Amino acid sequence: MAILERFGDIIKSNVNAILDKMEDPSKMIDQYLNNMMDDLAEVKRSTAGVMAEETRTKRLVDENQAEVSKYEEYAKKALAAGNENDARVFIAKKQELENIGAGLMTAYAAAHENAVKMRQLHDKLTSDIEALKARKQVIKSKVAIAKTQETINKVSSVSKRSQGAEDKFRKMEEKANRMLDEANAMSELNMEPIDEAKQLEEKYASQGSASVDEELKKLKEEMGI
């Protein structure tokens, strides 16, 4: 059947292999689940149709066998009543129904085989969906952890660059301090040297000079005034 060929690859599907191909499992897993649910809905409808066909052909087989049994009983009753010609008619009808029944049995066998395959397909897909649902949160948690680790790695890289910038800043600060110290030293060297003797001379010179009053007093004593 075309429906079996169409969904045959689902039976062979491997959830792990499909997940491995996803660029971002956290985003794709919901889409994949939705796709599988759509497939399951179609498989359910198709399976229901195949199972209904199996039931219909089985009913026809049962009805045919009941008819065969009925005409066989009629033939027996006709023979018991001594009506051999009537028995022949019933037997001919019975054989006709048996020929029809052989075709019905072939149709039923095919319908049964298709129903079994479709049921296997349905059950496999249902199992895959339930397994994926059970693993959904685990997969998303792992992806979240991976993204967090990736963020940590990026922050760590930024931190290392920041440390490098801090080292450079410290070197520049040391260089600035050294330049300032050199400038202060140069300023000190450019100042005129202090003449200590000159400073002392001024000190003692001021001590040796008498005041006006003292000199006036001395003059009066010399003049007897």
Protein backbone atom coordinates (compact mmCIF):
# COMPACT_ATOMS: atom_id res chain seq x y z
CA MET A 1 0.00 0.00 0.00
CA ALA A 2 1.11 3.54 -0.74
CA ILE A 3 0.44 4.62 2.84
CA LEU A 4 2.87 1.99 4.12
CA GLU A 5 5.57 3.13 1.69
CA ARG A 6 4.96 6.76 2.62
CA PHE A 7 5.39 6.22 6.34
CA GLY A 8 7.82 3.33 6.21
CA ASP A 9 10.76 5.61 7.00
CA ILE A 10 9.11 6.61 10.27
CA ILE A 11 9.46 3.06 11.56
CA LYS A 12 13.18 3.26 10.82
CA SER A 13 13.54 6.76 12.25
CA ASN A 14 16.15 7.39 14.90
CA VAL A 15 15.40 10.29 17.23
CA ASN A 16 19.03 10.63 18.31
CA ALA A 17 20.26 10.87 14.71
CA ILE A 18 17.74 13.58 13.94
CA LEU A 19 18.61 15.54 17.07
CA ASP A 20 22.30 15.36 16.18
CA LYS A 21 21.57 17.24 12.95
CA MET A 22 19.83 20.10 14.74
CA GLU A 23 21.78 23.34 14.97
CA ASP A 24 19.92 24.37 18.12
CA PRO A 25 18.10 21.40 19.73
CA SER A 26 16.40 23.71 22.22
CA LYS A 27 14.58 25.52 19.40
CA MET A 28 14.18 22.61 17.00
CA ILE A 29 12.89 19.98 19.42
CA ASP A 30 9.46 21.62 19.71
CA GLN A 31 9.20 21.87 15.92
CA TYR A 32 10.26 18.26 15.56
CA LEU A 33 7.65 17.19 18.12
CA ASN A 34 4.98 19.17 16.28
CA ASN A 35 5.97 17.50 13.01
CA MET A 36 5.82 14.08 14.66
CA MET A 37 2.39 14.85 16.12
CA ASP A 38 1.18 15.81 12.64
CA ASP A 39 2.59 12.54 11.30
CA LEU A 40 0.94 10.63 14.13
CA ALA A 41 -2.44 12.21 13.39
CA GLU A 42 -2.19 11.14 9.74
CA VAL A 43 -0.95 7.70 10.72
CA LYS A 44 -3.90 7.34 13.11
CA ARG A 45 -6.35 8.20 10.36
CA SER A 46 -4.67 5.84 7.92
CA THR A 47 -4.39 3.07 10.51
CA ALA A 48 -8.05 3.45 11.39
CA GLY A 49 -8.95 3.12 7.69
CA VAL A 50 -6.77 0.01 7.25
CA MET A 51 -8.16 -1.58 10.41
CA ALA A 52 -11.68 -0.79 9.23
CA GLU A 53 -10.90 -2.54 5.92
CA GLU A 54 -9.62 -5.55 7.85
CA THR A 55 -12.82 -5.62 9.88
CA ARG A 56 -14.96 -5.33 6.76
CA THR A 57 -13.19 -8.16 4.90
CA LYS A 58 -13.31 -10.32 8.05
CA ARG A 59 -17.04 -9.74 8.27
CA LEU A 60 -17.46 -10.74 4.61
CA VAL A 61 -15.43 -13.91 5.23
CA ASP A 62 -17.56 -14.78 8.27
CA GLU A 63 -20.77 -14.11 6.36
CA ASN A 64 -19.54 -16.23 3.44
CA GLN A 65 -18.62 -19.09 5.75
CA ALA A 66 -22.03 -18.87 7.38
CA GLU A 67 -23.66 -19.08 3.95
CA VAL A 68 -21.48 -22.08 3.01
CA SER A 69 -22.47 -23.81 6.25
CA LYS A 70 -26.14 -22.97 5.65
CA TYR A 71 -26.26 -24.51 2.15
CA GLU A 72 -24.36 -27.54 3.36
CA GLU A 73 -27.06 -28.08 5.97
CA TYR A 74 -29.74 -27.62 3.33
CA ALA A 75 -28.05 -30.25 1.17
CA LYS A 76 -28.00 -32.66 4.08
CA LYS A 77 -31.68 -32.06 4.78
CA ALA A 78 -32.57 -32.54 1.11
CA LEU A 79 -30.67 -35.88 1.03
CA ALA A 80 -32.34 -36.94 4.26
CA ALA A 81 -35.71 -36.19 2.67
CA GLY A 82 -34.72 -38.21 -0.41
CA ASN A 83 -34.53 -35.14 -2.67
CA GLU A 84 -31.17 -35.69 -4.35
CA ASN A 85 -31.79 -33.07 -7.04
CA ASP A 86 -32.45 -30.42 -4.39
CA ALA A 87 -29.29 -31.52 -2.63
CA ARG A 88 -27.37 -31.01 -5.88
CA VAL A 89 -28.68 -27.44 -6.15
CA PHE A 90 -27.64 -26.65 -2.59
CA ILE A 91 -24.20 -28.19 -3.10
CA ALA A 92 -23.66 -26.16 -6.28
CA LYS A 93 -24.58 -23.00 -4.41
CA LYS A 94 -22.25 -24.02 -1.59
CA GLN A 95 -19.35 -24.51 -4.05
CA GLU A 96 -20.05 -21.15 -5.65
CA LEU A 97 -19.87 -19.47 -2.24
CA GLU A 98 -16.69 -21.37 -1.39
CA ASN A 99 -15.05 -20.00 -4.55
CA ILE A 100 -16.09 -16.50 -3.54
CA GLY A 101 -14.87 -17.24 -0.02
CA ALA A 102 -11.38 -18.09 -1.30
CA GLY A 103 -11.08 -14.62 -2.81
CA LEU A 104 -12.46 -13.06 0.36
CA MET A 105 -9.89 -14.96 2.46
CA THR A 106 -7.08 -13.64 0.22
CA ALA A 107 -8.39 -10.08 0.60
CA TYR A 108 -8.74 -10.53 4.35
CA ALA A 109 -5.18 -11.89 4.68
CA ALA A 110 -3.82 -8.85 2.86
CA ALA A 111 -5.97 -6.47 4.90
CA HIS A 112 -4.83 -8.16 8.11
CA GLU A 113 -1.15 -7.88 7.14
CA ASN A 114 -1.58 -4.21 6.29
CA ALA A 115 -3.39 -3.60 9.57
CA VAL A 116 -0.56 -5.24 11.52
CA LYS A 117 2.05 -3.12 9.73
CA MET A 118 0.09 0.06 10.24
CA ARG A 119 -0.42 -0.73 13.92
CA GLN A 120 3.33 -1.31 14.29
CA LEU A 121 3.96 1.98 12.56
CA HIS A 122 1.49 3.75 14.82
CA ASP A 123 2.92 2.20 17.99
CA LYS A 124 6.52 2.95 16.97
CA LEU A 125 5.73 6.58 16.23
CA THR A 126 3.79 6.93 19.49
CA SER A 127 6.70 5.41 21.39
CA ASP A 128 9.18 7.79 19.74
CA ILE A 129 7.01 10.78 20.61
CA GLU A 130 6.65 9.72 24.25
CA ALA A 131 10.39 9.07 24.51
CA LEU A 132 11.16 12.47 23.04
CA LYS A 133 8.68 14.19 25.35
CA ALA A 134 10.35 12.51 28.33
CA ARG A 135 13.75 13.72 27.14
CA LYS A 136 12.57 17.16 26.07
CA GLN A 137 13.27 18.96 29.35
CA VAL A 138 16.57 17.13 29.80
CA ILE A 139 17.70 18.20 26.35
CA LYS A 140 16.59 21.79 26.92
CA SER A 141 18.34 21.84 30.30
CA LYS A 142 21.57 20.62 28.71
CA VAL A 143 21.31 23.29 26.01
CA ALA A 144 20.67 25.95 28.66
CA ILE A 145 23.70 24.78 30.64
CA ALA A 146 25.81 24.79 27.48
CA LYS A 147 24.71 28.35 26.67
CA THR A 148 25.46 29.43 30.25
CA GLN A 149 28.92 27.91 30.00
CA GLU A 150 29.41 29.69 26.69
CA THR A 151 28.47 32.98 28.37
CA ILE A 152 30.90 32.26 31.20
CA ASN A 153 33.63 31.59 28.67
CA LYS A 154 32.93 34.92 26.96
CA VAL A 155 32.91 36.79 30.28
CA SER A 156 36.15 35.07 31.25
CA SER A 157 37.69 36.20 27.98
CA VAL A 158 36.53 39.77 28.61
CA SER A 159 37.91 39.57 32.15
CA LYS A 160 41.30 38.52 30.82
CA ARG A 161 41.29 41.44 28.40
CA SER A 162 40.29 43.73 31.26
CA GLN A 163 43.17 42.42 33.36
CA GLY A 164 45.51 43.17 30.47
CA ALA A 165 44.14 46.70 30.22
CA GLU A 166 44.57 47.16 33.98
CA ASP A 167 48.22 46.07 33.74
CA LYS A 168 48.80 48.56 30.94
CA PHE A 169 47.05 51.28 32.95
CA ARG A 170 49.30 50.56 35.93
CA LYS A 171 52.39 50.80 33.75
CA MET A 172 51.19 54.13 32.37
CA GLU A 173 50.56 55.37 35.91
CA GLU A 174 54.07 54.33 36.95
CA LYS A 175 55.47 56.11 33.92
CA ALA A 176 53.49 59.25 34.77
CA ASN A 177 54.82 59.17 38.36
CA ARG A 178 58.36 58.75 37.08
CA MET A 179 57.93 61.67 34.69
CA LEU A 180 56.58 63.82 37.55
CA ASP A 181 59.50 62.88 39.81
CA GLU A 182 61.98 63.70 37.06
CA ALA A 183 60.29 67.06 36.44
CA ASN A 184 60.43 67.93 40.16
CA ALA A 185 64.09 66.92 40.31
CA MET A 186 64.86 69.02 37.27
CA SER A 187 63.09 72.01 38.83
CA GLU A 188 65.10 71.60 42.00
CA LEU A 189 68.34 71.41 40.00
CA ASN A 190 67.45 74.58 38.11
CA MET A 191 67.15 76.65 41.33
CA GLU A 192 70.17 78.99 42.23
CA PRO A 193 72.37 77.57 45.01
CA ILE A 194 72.00 79.13 48.46
CA ASP A 195 75.04 81.25 49.65
CA GLU A 196 75.22 80.37 53.33
CA ALA A 197 78.07 82.82 53.98
CA LYS A 198 76.00 85.65 52.57
CA GLN A 199 73.12 84.73 54.83
CA LEU A 200 75.40 84.71 57.90
CA GLU A 201 76.97 88.02 56.89
CA GLU A 202 73.61 89.70 56.87
CA LYS A 203 72.83 88.19 60.25
CA TYR A 204 75.96 89.41 61.98
CA ALA A 205 76.03 92.73 60.17
CA SER A 206 72.67 93.60 61.60
CA GLN A 207 73.84 92.65 65.07
CA GLY A 208 76.96 94.98 64.89
CA SER A 209 75.13 98.20 63.94
CA ALA A 210 74.02 100.41 66.93
CA SER A 211 70.68 102.06 67.05
CA VAL A 212 70.33 105.88 66.71
CA ASP A 213 69.52 106.31 70.40
CA GLU A 214 72.57 104.39 71.49
CA GLU A 215 74.86 106.38 69.21
CA LEU A 216 73.31 109.68 70.43
CA LYS A 217 73.85 108.69 74.03
CA LYS A 218 77.48 107.87 73.35
CA LEU A 219 78.06 111.25 71.72
CA LYS A 220 76.58 113.11 74.72
CA GLU A 221 78.87 111.29 77.12
CA GLU A 222 81.87 112.18 75.04
CA MET A 223 80.80 115.86 75.00
CA GLY A 224 79.99 115.94 78.71
CA ILE A 225 76.42 116.84 78.05
